[in-house]
C-alpha atoms as a PDB file:
ATOM      1  CA  MET A   1       0.000   0.000   0.000  1.00  0.00           C
ATOM      2  CA  GLY A   2       2.834   2.402   0.809  1.00  0.00           C
ATOM      3  CA  VAL A   3       4.424   1.924  -2.604  1.00  0.00           C
ATOM      4  CA  MET A   4       1.288   2.436  -4.667  1.00  0.00           C
ATOM      5  CA  ARG A   5      -0.274   5.203  -2.559  1.00  0.00           C
ATOM      6  CA  PRO A   6       2.208   6.770  -0.123  1.00  0.00           C
ATOM      7  CA  GLU A   7      -0.371   9.242   1.196  1.00  0.00           C
ATOM      8  CA  LEU A   8      -2.189   6.373   2.936  1.00  0.00           C
ATOM      9  CA  VAL A   9       0.797   5.352   5.055  1.00  0.00           C
ATOM     10  CA  MET A  10       0.060   7.792   7.888  1.00  0.00           C
ATOM     11  CA  LYS A  11      -3.639   6.998   7.659  1.00  0.00           C
ATOM     12  CA  SER A  12      -2.853   3.313   8.118  1.00  0.00           C
ATOM     13  CA  ILE A  13      -0.594   3.856  11.121  1.00  0.00           C
ATOM     14  CA  VAL A  14      -3.262   5.591  13.230  1.00  0.00           C
ATOM     15  CA  PRO A  15      -5.343   2.431  14.002  1.00  0.00           C
ATOM     16  CA  VAL A  16      -2.182   0.529  14.957  1.00  0.00           C
ATOM     17  CA  VAL A  17      -1.136   3.274  17.375  1.00  0.00           C
ATOM     18  CA  MET A  18      -4.616   3.473  18.864  1.00  0.00           C
ATOM     19  CA  ALA A  19      -4.676  -0.300  19.403  1.00  0.00           C
ATOM     20  CA  GLY A  20      -1.326  -0.062  21.180  1.00  0.00           C
ATOM     21  CA  VAL A  21      -2.669   2.683  23.430  1.00  0.00           C
ATOM     22  CA  LEU A  22      -5.629   0.470  24.364  1.00  0.00           C
ATOM     23  CA  GLY A  23      -3.305  -2.406  25.217  1.00  0.00           C
ATOM     24  CA  ILE A  24      -1.114  -0.224  27.424  1.00  0.00           C
ATOM     25  CA  TYR A  25      -4.201   1.178  29.154  1.00  0.00           C
ATOM     26  CA  GLY A  26      -5.335  -2.365  29.950  1.00  0.00           C
ATOM     27  CA  LEU A  27      -1.929  -3.203  31.427  1.00  0.00           C
ATOM     28  CA  VAL A  28      -1.966  -0.063  33.583  1.00  0.00           C
ATOM     29  CA  ILE A  29      -5.409  -0.928  34.916  1.00  0.00           C
ATOM     30  CA  ALA A  30      -4.261  -4.498  35.640  1.00  0.00           C
ATOM     31  CA  VAL A  31      -1.288  -3.207  37.639  1.00  0.00           C
ATOM     32  CA  ILE A  32      -3.502  -0.789  39.579  1.00  0.00           C
ATOM     33  CA  ILE A  33      -5.945  -3.581  40.410  1.00  0.00           C
ATOM     34  CA  SER A  34      -3.209  -6.045  41.397  1.00  0.00           C
ATOM     35  CA  THR A  35      -1.540  -3.577  43.750  1.00  0.00           C
ATOM     36  CA  GLY A  36      -4.864  -3.113  45.548  1.00  0.00           C
ATOM     37  CA  ILE A  37      -5.077  -6.794  46.531  1.00  0.00           C
ATOM     38  CA  PRO A  38      -4.007  -7.275  50.163  1.00  0.00           C
ATOM     39  CA  ASP A  39      -2.015 -10.272  51.385  1.00  0.00           C
ATOM     40  CA  THR A  40      -4.579 -11.218  54.027  1.00  0.00           C
ATOM     41  CA  GLY A  41      -8.219 -10.384  54.577  1.00  0.00           C
ATOM     42  CA  TYR A  42      -9.308 -10.271  50.931  1.00  0.00           C
ATOM     43  CA  CYS A  43     -13.101 -10.166  51.174  1.00  0.00           C
ATOM     44  CA  MET A  44     -15.605 -11.345  48.618  1.00  0.00           C
ATOM     45  CA  PHE A  45     -16.824  -7.813  47.892  1.00  0.00           C
ATOM     46  CA  GLY A  46     -13.301  -6.708  46.992  1.00  0.00           C
ATOM     47  CA  GLY A  47     -12.896  -9.699  44.708  1.00  0.00           C
ATOM     48  CA  TYR A  48     -16.104  -8.998  42.854  1.00  0.00           C
ATOM     49  CA  ALA A  49     -15.243  -5.291  42.653  1.00  0.00           C
ATOM     50  CA  HIS A  50     -11.873  -6.110  41.082  1.00  0.00           C
ATOM     51  CA  LEU A  51     -13.524  -8.604  38.731  1.00  0.00           C
ATOM     52  CA  ALA A  52     -16.105  -6.029  37.651  1.00  0.00           C
ATOM     53  CA  SER A  53     -13.492  -3.335  37.086  1.00  0.00           C
ATOM     54  CA  GLY A  54     -11.308  -5.700  35.068  1.00  0.00           C
ATOM     55  CA  LEU A  55     -14.245  -6.879  32.980  1.00  0.00           C
ATOM     56  CA  SER A  56     -15.462  -3.351  32.311  1.00  0.00           C
ATOM     57  CA  CYS A  57     -11.988  -2.228  31.248  1.00  0.00           C
ATOM     58  CA  GLY A  58     -11.509  -5.302  29.074  1.00  0.00           C
ATOM     59  CA  LEU A  59     -14.894  -5.144  27.385  1.00  0.00           C
ATOM     60  CA  ALA A  60     -14.524  -1.402  26.788  1.00  0.00           C
ATOM     61  CA  GLY A  61     -11.126  -2.087  25.215  1.00  0.00           C
ATOM     62  CA  LEU A  62     -12.654  -4.838  23.088  1.00  0.00           C
ATOM     63  CA  ALA A  63     -15.424  -2.559  21.839  1.00  0.00           C
ATOM     64  CA  ALA A  64     -12.992   0.280  21.150  1.00  0.00           C
ATOM     65  CA  GLY A  65     -10.674  -2.132  19.342  1.00  0.00           C
ATOM     66  CA  MET A  66     -13.512  -3.324  17.139  1.00  0.00           C
ATOM     67  CA  ALA A  67     -14.450   0.272  16.338  1.00  0.00           C
ATOM     68  CA  ILE A  68     -10.822   1.152  15.558  1.00  0.00           C
ATOM     69  CA  GLY A  69     -10.586  -1.874  13.277  1.00  0.00           C
ATOM     70  CA  ILE A  70     -13.746  -0.962  11.404  1.00  0.00           C
ATOM     71  CA  VAL A  71     -12.678   2.656  10.996  1.00  0.00           C
ATOM     72  CA  GLY A  72      -9.159   1.623  10.003  1.00  0.00           C
ATOM     73  CA  ASP A  73     -10.528  -0.791   7.417  1.00  0.00           C
ATOM     74  CA  ALA A  74     -12.837   1.855   5.960  1.00  0.00           C
ATOM     75  CA  GLY A  75      -9.897   4.232   5.551  1.00  0.00           C
END
């Protein structure tokens, strides 16, 4: 694509960068959640709260990734 139409190179890099940003955001959230887990006295409410926050971050990243892929494919 870059040889035939060089003007599309920057347009094609944007979805890749955005997907990388989503991946890094997920890792940051995972580190924040894992540092909040105590060694002892981890209650059920805290476990479900961490599960819900991880699921919401992951599913939001999945939806954003799908949207980025669709927009990137459309050009």
